[in-house]
Amino acid sequence: MNEICEKAKDLLTGLLSDMRFDLTVSADWTDEGCVLNLSGGDAHFALAENGEMLDALEVVLFQAFGRELEREHRFIVDADGFRQTRRSELHAMARFAGDQVRKNGKPFTFGVLNSTERRVIHLALQQEEDLITESVGEGRDRRLQVRLK
């Protein structure tokens, strides 16, 4: 496993232990980067509010070790397959947006998505020859837009 991923696992394990969560951290290095999976009796806390705790833990890891990661890699914190389920939802949303843009010719702008979710949709529509995706806005107001080329 990647050294940065091992450091991330150790930090996350210590942080969750200090907060007295019943969670175990496992880590794997993949093409996407460091995937850290949480399991245990308190996994439901990590999934509350649409996985906000998972997102927050990713931010902590990126702040701690992001400079050591290559640009194409990320920290992905998951529990009970939440991220894979969400990825499938995002792919379906991308297909829907593409169909809507083709049907009515008007740009489709998504609601609030975090950077990882926006990236999934960008990649899902990347091969579509007639569509372009673009992030518009700044900070928390950043949205993903799909439109015809």
N, C-alpha and C. Protein backbone atom coordinates (compact mmCIF):
# COMPACT_ATOMS: atom_id res chain seq x y z
N MET A 1 0.85 -1.18 0.00
CA MET A 1 0.00 0.00 0.00
C MET A 1 0.89 1.25 0.00
N ASN A 2 0.40 2.29 -0.58
CA ASN A 2 1.08 3.56 -0.66
C ASN A 2 1.36 4.12 0.73
N GLU A 3 2.52 4.74 0.91
CA GLU A 3 2.92 5.29 2.22
C GLU A 3 1.95 6.37 2.70
N ILE A 4 1.49 7.23 1.79
CA ILE A 4 0.54 8.28 2.16
C ILE A 4 -0.76 7.65 2.65
N CYS A 5 -1.18 6.59 2.00
CA CYS A 5 -2.41 5.90 2.38
C CYS A 5 -2.27 5.29 3.78
N GLU A 6 -1.11 4.76 4.07
CA GLU A 6 -0.86 4.19 5.40
C GLU A 6 -0.92 5.30 6.46
N LYS A 7 -0.33 6.44 6.17
CA LYS A 7 -0.38 7.57 7.10
C LYS A 7 -1.82 8.03 7.32
N ALA A 8 -2.59 8.08 6.24
CA ALA A 8 -3.99 8.49 6.32
C ALA A 8 -4.79 7.52 7.18
N LYS A 9 -4.53 6.24 6.99
CA LYS A 9 -5.22 5.22 7.79
C LYS A 9 -4.89 5.40 9.26
N ASP A 10 -3.62 5.63 9.58
CA ASP A 10 -3.21 5.81 10.97
C ASP A 10 -3.86 7.05 11.59
N LEU A 11 -3.88 8.16 10.84
CA LEU A 11 -4.50 9.38 11.35
C LEU A 11 -5.98 9.17 11.60
N LEU A 12 -6.67 8.57 10.64
CA LEU A 12 -8.10 8.34 10.76
C LEU A 12 -8.41 7.39 11.91
N THR A 13 -7.63 6.34 12.04
CA THR A 13 -7.82 5.39 13.14
C THR A 13 -7.69 6.10 14.49
N GLY A 14 -6.65 6.91 14.65
CA GLY A 14 -6.45 7.64 15.89
C GLY A 14 -7.55 8.64 16.17
N LEU A 15 -7.96 9.37 15.15
CA LEU A 15 -9.01 10.37 15.29
C LEU A 15 -10.33 9.74 15.71
N LEU A 16 -10.72 8.67 15.04
CA LEU A 16 -11.98 7.99 15.36
C LEU A 16 -11.93 7.35 16.74
N SER A 17 -10.78 6.83 17.11
CA SER A 17 -10.61 6.24 18.43
C SER A 17 -10.72 7.32 19.52
N ASP A 18 -10.05 8.45 19.28
CA ASP A 18 -10.12 9.56 20.25
C ASP A 18 -11.54 10.07 20.42
N MET A 19 -12.34 10.00 19.35
CA MET A 19 -13.73 10.43 19.42
C MET A 19 -14.65 9.32 19.93
N ARG A 20 -14.05 8.19 20.27
CA ARG A 20 -14.76 7.05 20.86
C ARG A 20 -15.81 6.41 19.95
N PHE A 21 -15.53 6.44 18.64
CA PHE A 21 -16.39 5.74 17.70
C PHE A 21 -15.98 4.28 17.63
N ASP A 22 -16.97 3.40 17.53
CA ASP A 22 -16.72 1.97 17.32
C ASP A 22 -16.59 1.75 15.82
N LEU A 23 -15.41 2.14 15.29
CA LEU A 23 -15.15 2.02 13.86
C LEU A 23 -13.73 1.53 13.63
N THR A 24 -13.60 0.63 12.67
CA THR A 24 -12.30 0.13 12.26
C THR A 24 -12.03 0.67 10.86
N VAL A 25 -10.79 1.04 10.60
CA VAL A 25 -10.42 1.61 9.30
C VAL A 25 -9.56 0.60 8.54
N SER A 26 -9.95 0.30 7.31
CA SER A 26 -9.10 -0.47 6.41
C SER A 26 -8.79 0.42 5.22
N ALA A 27 -7.65 0.22 4.59
CA ALA A 27 -7.23 1.09 3.50
C ALA A 27 -6.68 0.28 2.34
N ASP A 28 -6.95 0.77 1.13
CA ASP A 28 -6.43 0.18 -0.09
C ASP A 28 -6.03 1.30 -1.04
N TRP A 29 -4.96 1.09 -1.78
CA TRP A 29 -4.54 2.04 -2.80
C TRP A 29 -5.10 1.55 -4.13
N THR A 30 -5.86 2.42 -4.83
CA THR A 30 -6.45 2.07 -6.11
C THR A 30 -6.03 3.11 -7.15
N ASP A 31 -6.54 2.97 -8.35
CA ASP A 31 -6.27 3.94 -9.41
C ASP A 31 -6.75 5.34 -9.04
N GLU A 32 -7.83 5.40 -8.24
CA GLU A 32 -8.38 6.69 -7.82
C GLU A 32 -7.58 7.34 -6.70
N GLY A 33 -6.91 6.53 -5.92
CA GLY A 33 -6.15 7.03 -4.78
C GLY A 33 -6.31 6.13 -3.58
N CYS A 34 -6.37 6.75 -2.41
CA CYS A 34 -6.45 6.00 -1.16
C CYS A 34 -7.91 5.85 -0.74
N VAL A 35 -8.39 4.62 -0.73
CA VAL A 35 -9.76 4.32 -0.32
C VAL A 35 -9.71 3.77 1.09
N LEU A 36 -10.37 4.49 2.01
CA LEU A 36 -10.41 4.08 3.41
C LEU A 36 -11.84 3.69 3.75
N ASN A 37 -12.02 2.46 4.21
CA ASN A 37 -13.35 1.96 4.51
C ASN A 37 -13.54 1.86 6.02
N LEU A 38 -14.67 2.41 6.48
CA LEU A 38 -15.01 2.36 7.90
C LEU A 38 -16.01 1.24 8.12
N SER A 39 -15.77 0.44 9.15
CA SER A 39 -16.72 -0.61 9.50
C SER A 39 -16.82 -0.69 11.01
N GLY A 40 -17.96 -1.17 11.48
CA GLY A 40 -18.16 -1.30 12.91
C GLY A 40 -19.54 -0.83 13.32
N GLY A 41 -19.79 -0.91 14.60
CA GLY A 41 -21.11 -0.59 15.14
C GLY A 41 -21.57 0.83 14.93
N ASP A 42 -20.65 1.76 14.73
CA ASP A 42 -21.02 3.17 14.57
C ASP A 42 -20.98 3.64 13.12
N ALA A 43 -20.98 2.72 12.17
CA ALA A 43 -20.92 3.10 10.76
C ALA A 43 -22.11 3.98 10.37
N HIS A 44 -23.24 3.76 11.01
CA HIS A 44 -24.43 4.56 10.67
C HIS A 44 -24.21 6.05 10.94
N PHE A 45 -23.37 6.39 11.92
CA PHE A 45 -23.07 7.81 12.16
C PHE A 45 -22.33 8.42 10.97
N ALA A 46 -21.46 7.65 10.37
CA ALA A 46 -20.69 8.14 9.23
C ALA A 46 -21.59 8.38 8.02
N LEU A 47 -22.71 7.69 7.96
CA LEU A 47 -23.61 7.79 6.81
C LEU A 47 -24.73 8.81 7.00
N ALA A 48 -24.89 9.32 8.22
CA ALA A 48 -25.96 10.28 8.51
C ALA A 48 -25.80 11.53 7.65
N GLU A 49 -26.92 12.19 7.40
CA GLU A 49 -26.93 13.43 6.62
C GLU A 49 -26.24 13.26 5.27
N ASN A 50 -26.56 12.16 4.60
CA ASN A 50 -26.03 11.89 3.26
C ASN A 50 -24.51 11.78 3.23
N GLY A 51 -23.95 11.22 4.30
CA GLY A 51 -22.52 10.95 4.32
C GLY A 51 -21.65 12.16 4.64
N GLU A 52 -22.21 13.15 5.32
CA GLU A 52 -21.43 14.37 5.62
C GLU A 52 -20.17 14.07 6.43
N MET A 53 -20.24 13.09 7.33
CA MET A 53 -19.05 12.75 8.11
C MET A 53 -17.96 12.18 7.19
N LEU A 54 -18.35 11.38 6.21
CA LEU A 54 -17.38 10.85 5.25
C LEU A 54 -16.70 12.00 4.52
N ASP A 55 -17.51 12.97 4.07
CA ASP A 55 -16.95 14.13 3.38
C ASP A 55 -16.00 14.90 4.28
N ALA A 56 -16.39 15.10 5.53
CA ALA A 56 -15.56 15.85 6.48
C ALA A 56 -14.23 15.14 6.72
N LEU A 57 -14.27 13.83 6.85
CA LEU A 57 -13.04 13.07 7.05
C LEU A 57 -12.12 13.16 5.83
N GLU A 58 -12.71 13.18 4.64
CA GLU A 58 -11.91 13.35 3.43
C GLU A 58 -11.21 14.71 3.43
N VAL A 59 -11.91 15.75 3.88
CA VAL A 59 -11.32 17.09 3.96
C VAL A 59 -10.15 17.09 4.93
N VAL A 60 -10.33 16.47 6.10
CA VAL A 60 -9.25 16.40 7.09
C VAL A 60 -8.03 15.71 6.49
N LEU A 61 -8.25 14.59 5.82
CA LEU A 61 -7.13 13.85 5.22
C LEU A 61 -6.46 14.65 4.12
N PHE A 62 -7.26 15.34 3.32
CA PHE A 62 -6.67 16.14 2.26
C PHE A 62 -5.85 17.30 2.84
N GLN A 63 -6.35 17.91 3.91
CA GLN A 63 -5.61 19.00 4.55
C GLN A 63 -4.29 18.49 5.14
N ALA A 64 -4.32 17.30 5.68
CA ALA A 64 -3.13 16.74 6.31
C ALA A 64 -2.11 16.22 5.29
N PHE A 65 -2.58 15.59 4.23
CA PHE A 65 -1.67 14.89 3.32
C PHE A 65 -1.84 15.22 1.84
N GLY A 66 -2.71 16.14 1.52
CA GLY A 66 -3.02 16.44 0.12
C GLY A 66 -1.83 16.84 -0.72
N ARG A 67 -0.90 17.54 -0.13
CA ARG A 67 0.28 17.99 -0.89
C ARG A 67 1.17 16.82 -1.29
N GLU A 68 1.01 15.71 -0.61
CA GLU A 68 1.83 14.53 -0.93
C GLU A 68 1.19 13.66 -2.01
N LEU A 69 -0.07 13.95 -2.35
CA LEU A 69 -0.79 13.17 -3.37
C LEU A 69 -0.56 13.76 -4.76
N GLU A 70 -0.48 12.89 -5.74
CA GLU A 70 -0.46 13.37 -7.12
C GLU A 70 -1.86 13.89 -7.46
N ARG A 71 -1.92 14.81 -8.39
CA ARG A 71 -3.16 15.52 -8.70
C ARG A 71 -4.34 14.59 -9.03
N GLU A 72 -4.07 13.49 -9.70
CA GLU A 72 -5.16 12.61 -10.13
C GLU A 72 -5.66 11.67 -9.02
N HIS A 73 -5.03 11.70 -7.87
CA HIS A 73 -5.44 10.83 -6.77
C HIS A 73 -6.19 11.59 -5.69
N ARG A 74 -7.00 10.85 -4.95
CA ARG A 74 -7.85 11.44 -3.90
C ARG A 74 -7.86 10.53 -2.68
N PHE A 75 -8.39 11.08 -1.59
CA PHE A 75 -8.74 10.27 -0.43
C PHE A 75 -10.24 10.03 -0.54
N ILE A 76 -10.63 8.78 -0.43
CA ILE A 76 -12.04 8.41 -0.49
C ILE A 76 -12.36 7.63 0.77
N VAL A 77 -13.22 8.21 1.60
CA VAL A 77 -13.63 7.55 2.84
C VAL A 77 -15.03 7.00 2.62
N ASP A 78 -15.22 5.72 2.91
CA ASP A 78 -16.49 5.05 2.64
C ASP A 78 -16.91 4.22 3.84
N ALA A 79 -18.18 3.89 3.88
CA ALA A 79 -18.73 2.97 4.89
C ALA A 79 -19.94 2.28 4.27
N ASP A 80 -20.03 0.99 4.47
CA ASP A 80 -21.16 0.18 3.99
C ASP A 80 -21.48 0.39 2.52
N GLY A 81 -20.47 0.61 1.68
CA GLY A 81 -20.69 0.75 0.25
C GLY A 81 -21.41 2.01 -0.17
N PHE A 82 -21.49 3.00 0.72
CA PHE A 82 -22.21 4.25 0.44
C PHE A 82 -21.68 4.93 -0.82
N ARG A 83 -20.36 5.02 -0.95
CA ARG A 83 -19.77 5.73 -2.09
C ARG A 83 -20.11 5.04 -3.41
N GLN A 84 -20.09 3.71 -3.45
CA GLN A 84 -20.41 3.00 -4.69
C GLN A 84 -21.87 3.20 -5.08
N THR A 85 -22.75 3.17 -4.09
CA THR A 85 -24.16 3.43 -4.36
C THR A 85 -24.34 4.84 -4.89
N ARG A 86 -23.67 5.79 -4.26
CA ARG A 86 -23.77 7.19 -4.70
C ARG A 86 -23.19 7.35 -6.10
N ARG A 87 -22.11 6.65 -6.41
CA ARG A 87 -21.51 6.71 -7.74
C ARG A 87 -22.52 6.24 -8.80
N SER A 88 -23.25 5.17 -8.50
CA SER A 88 -24.27 4.67 -9.43
C SER A 88 -25.37 5.71 -9.63
N GLU A 89 -25.78 6.36 -8.53
CA GLU A 89 -26.79 7.43 -8.62
C GLU A 89 -26.28 8.57 -9.50
N LEU A 90 -25.03 8.96 -9.32
CA LEU A 90 -24.45 10.06 -10.09
C LEU A 90 -24.36 9.72 -11.58
N HIS A 91 -24.05 8.47 -11.90
CA HIS A 91 -24.02 8.05 -13.30
C HIS A 91 -25.41 8.16 -13.91
N ALA A 92 -26.43 7.75 -13.15
CA ALA A 92 -27.81 7.86 -13.64
C ALA A 92 -28.19 9.34 -13.81
N MET A 93 -27.78 10.18 -12.88
CA MET A 93 -28.06 11.61 -12.98
C MET A 93 -27.36 12.21 -14.21
N ALA A 94 -26.15 11.76 -14.48
CA ALA A 94 -25.40 12.26 -15.64
C ALA A 94 -26.13 11.89 -16.94
N ARG A 95 -26.61 10.63 -17.01
CA ARG A 95 -27.35 10.20 -18.20
C ARG A 95 -28.63 11.03 -18.37
N PHE A 96 -29.34 11.26 -17.27
CA PHE A 96 -30.56 12.06 -17.31
C PHE A 96 -30.27 13.47 -17.80
N ALA A 97 -29.23 14.09 -17.24
CA ALA A 97 -28.88 15.46 -17.63
C ALA A 97 -28.53 15.52 -19.12
N GLY A 98 -27.74 14.55 -19.58
CA GLY A 98 -27.38 14.50 -21.00
C GLY A 98 -28.61 14.37 -21.89
N ASP A 99 -29.54 13.52 -21.50
CA ASP A 99 -30.77 13.34 -22.27
C ASP A 99 -31.59 14.63 -22.31
N GLN A 100 -31.67 15.32 -21.17
CA GLN A 100 -32.44 16.56 -21.10
C GLN A 100 -31.82 17.65 -21.98
N VAL A 101 -30.50 17.75 -21.95
CA VAL A 101 -29.81 18.76 -22.76
C VAL A 101 -30.03 18.47 -24.25
N ARG A 102 -29.92 17.21 -24.63
CA ARG A 102 -30.13 16.84 -26.03
C ARG A 102 -31.58 17.09 -26.46
N LYS A 103 -32.51 16.84 -25.54
CA LYS A 103 -33.94 16.95 -25.85
C LYS A 103 -34.37 18.40 -26.05
N ASN A 104 -33.94 19.28 -25.14
CA ASN A 104 -34.44 20.66 -25.22
C ASN A 104 -33.38 21.70 -25.58
N GLY A 105 -32.12 21.27 -25.71
CA GLY A 105 -31.07 22.18 -26.13
C GLY A 105 -30.62 23.19 -25.09
N LYS A 106 -31.18 23.13 -23.91
CA LYS A 106 -30.83 24.08 -22.86
C LYS A 106 -29.84 23.45 -21.88
N PRO A 107 -28.93 24.25 -21.32
CA PRO A 107 -27.99 23.71 -20.32
C PRO A 107 -28.73 23.15 -19.11
N PHE A 108 -28.16 22.12 -18.52
CA PHE A 108 -28.70 21.51 -17.30
C PHE A 108 -27.69 21.81 -16.18
N THR A 109 -28.16 22.44 -15.11
CA THR A 109 -27.28 22.76 -13.99
C THR A 109 -27.69 21.93 -12.78
N PHE A 110 -26.74 21.18 -12.25
CA PHE A 110 -26.98 20.36 -11.07
C PHE A 110 -27.06 21.23 -9.82
N GLY A 111 -27.68 20.69 -8.79
CA GLY A 111 -27.69 21.34 -7.48
C GLY A 111 -26.33 21.17 -6.82
N VAL A 112 -26.31 21.30 -5.53
CA VAL A 112 -25.06 21.23 -4.77
C VAL A 112 -24.48 19.82 -4.84
N LEU A 113 -23.24 19.75 -5.28
CA LEU A 113 -22.47 18.50 -5.30
C LEU A 113 -21.08 18.83 -4.78
N ASN A 114 -20.48 17.89 -4.06
CA ASN A 114 -19.10 18.15 -3.64
C ASN A 114 -18.17 17.90 -4.82
N SER A 115 -16.90 18.23 -4.65
CA SER A 115 -15.96 18.14 -5.77
C SER A 115 -15.82 16.72 -6.30
N THR A 116 -15.87 15.75 -5.44
CA THR A 116 -15.75 14.36 -5.88
C THR A 116 -16.96 13.96 -6.73
N GLU A 117 -18.14 14.38 -6.31
CA GLU A 117 -19.36 14.06 -7.06
C GLU A 117 -19.36 14.77 -8.42
N ARG A 118 -18.92 16.02 -8.44
CA ARG A 118 -18.83 16.74 -9.72
C ARG A 118 -17.86 16.01 -10.65
N ARG A 119 -16.76 15.54 -10.10
CA ARG A 119 -15.75 14.83 -10.90
C ARG A 119 -16.34 13.55 -11.50
N VAL A 120 -17.13 12.82 -10.74
CA VAL A 120 -17.75 11.58 -11.24
C VAL A 120 -18.62 11.89 -12.46
N ILE A 121 -19.39 12.97 -12.38
CA ILE A 121 -20.27 13.33 -13.50
C ILE A 121 -19.44 13.81 -14.68
N HIS A 122 -18.42 14.63 -14.43
CA HIS A 122 -17.53 15.05 -15.51
C HIS A 122 -17.00 13.83 -16.26
N LEU A 123 -16.50 12.86 -15.52
CA LEU A 123 -15.91 11.67 -16.13
C LEU A 123 -16.96 10.81 -16.84
N ALA A 124 -18.17 10.76 -16.28
CA ALA A 124 -19.24 9.95 -16.88
C ALA A 124 -19.64 10.50 -18.25
N LEU A 125 -19.56 11.81 -18.42
CA LEU A 125 -19.98 12.43 -19.68
C LEU A 125 -18.81 12.82 -20.58
N GLN A 126 -17.61 12.53 -20.16
CA GLN A 126 -16.40 12.93 -20.88
C GLN A 126 -16.36 12.40 -22.31
N GLN A 127 -16.85 11.21 -22.54
CA GLN A 127 -16.78 10.58 -23.86
C GLN A 127 -17.92 10.98 -24.78
N GLU A 128 -18.88 11.74 -24.28
CA GLU A 128 -20.01 12.16 -25.10
C GLU A 128 -19.55 13.26 -26.06
N GLU A 129 -19.61 13.00 -27.35
CA GLU A 129 -19.07 13.92 -28.34
C GLU A 129 -19.87 15.21 -28.48
N ASP A 130 -21.15 15.18 -28.13
CA ASP A 130 -21.99 16.36 -28.32
C ASP A 130 -22.21 17.18 -27.04
N LEU A 131 -21.63 16.73 -25.92
CA LEU A 131 -21.85 17.41 -24.65
C LEU A 131 -20.55 17.91 -24.05
N ILE A 132 -20.67 18.95 -23.25
CA ILE A 132 -19.54 19.47 -22.49
C ILE A 132 -20.01 19.69 -21.05
N THR A 133 -19.14 19.42 -20.09
CA THR A 133 -19.45 19.68 -18.69
C THR A 133 -18.49 20.75 -18.19
N GLU A 134 -19.02 21.57 -17.28
CA GLU A 134 -18.20 22.66 -16.75
C GLU A 134 -18.69 23.00 -15.35
N SER A 135 -17.74 23.23 -14.46
CA SER A 135 -18.09 23.72 -13.13
C SER A 135 -18.18 25.23 -13.21
N VAL A 136 -19.28 25.77 -12.71
CA VAL A 136 -19.49 27.22 -12.73
C VAL A 136 -19.72 27.71 -11.31
N GLY A 137 -19.31 28.94 -11.03
CA GLY A 137 -19.46 29.51 -9.70
C GLY A 137 -18.22 29.28 -8.86
N GLU A 138 -18.29 29.77 -7.64
CA GLU A 138 -17.15 29.71 -6.73
C GLU A 138 -17.57 29.12 -5.38
N GLY A 139 -16.62 28.49 -4.72
CA GLY A 139 -16.83 28.00 -3.35
C GLY A 139 -18.05 27.12 -3.21
N ARG A 140 -18.86 27.42 -2.21
CA ARG A 140 -20.06 26.62 -1.94
C ARG A 140 -21.15 26.81 -2.99
N ASP A 141 -21.02 27.85 -3.80
CA ASP A 141 -21.99 28.10 -4.86
C ASP A 141 -21.59 27.44 -6.18
N ARG A 142 -20.57 26.64 -6.16
CA ARG A 142 -20.08 25.97 -7.37
C ARG A 142 -21.09 24.91 -7.80
N ARG A 143 -21.42 24.91 -9.08
CA ARG A 143 -22.38 23.96 -9.63
C ARG A 143 -21.79 23.35 -10.90
N LEU A 144 -22.29 22.20 -11.26
CA LEU A 144 -21.87 21.53 -12.48
C LEU A 144 -22.94 21.77 -13.55
N GLN A 145 -22.49 22.16 -14.73
CA GLN A 145 -23.42 22.43 -15.83
C GLN A 145 -23.07 21.53 -17.01
N VAL A 146 -24.11 20.99 -17.64
CA VAL A 146 -23.96 20.17 -18.84
C VAL A 146 -24.66 20.94 -19.96
N ARG A 147 -23.98 21.05 -21.11
CA ARG A 147 -24.57 21.74 -22.24
C ARG A 147 -24.05 21.13 -23.53
N LEU A 148 -24.71 21.52 -24.63
CA LEU A 148 -24.29 21.06 -25.96
C LEU A 148 -22.99 21.77 -26.33
N LYS A 149 -22.13 21.07 -27.08
CA LYS A 149 -20.88 21.68 -27.57
C LYS A 149 -21.18 22.72 -28.62
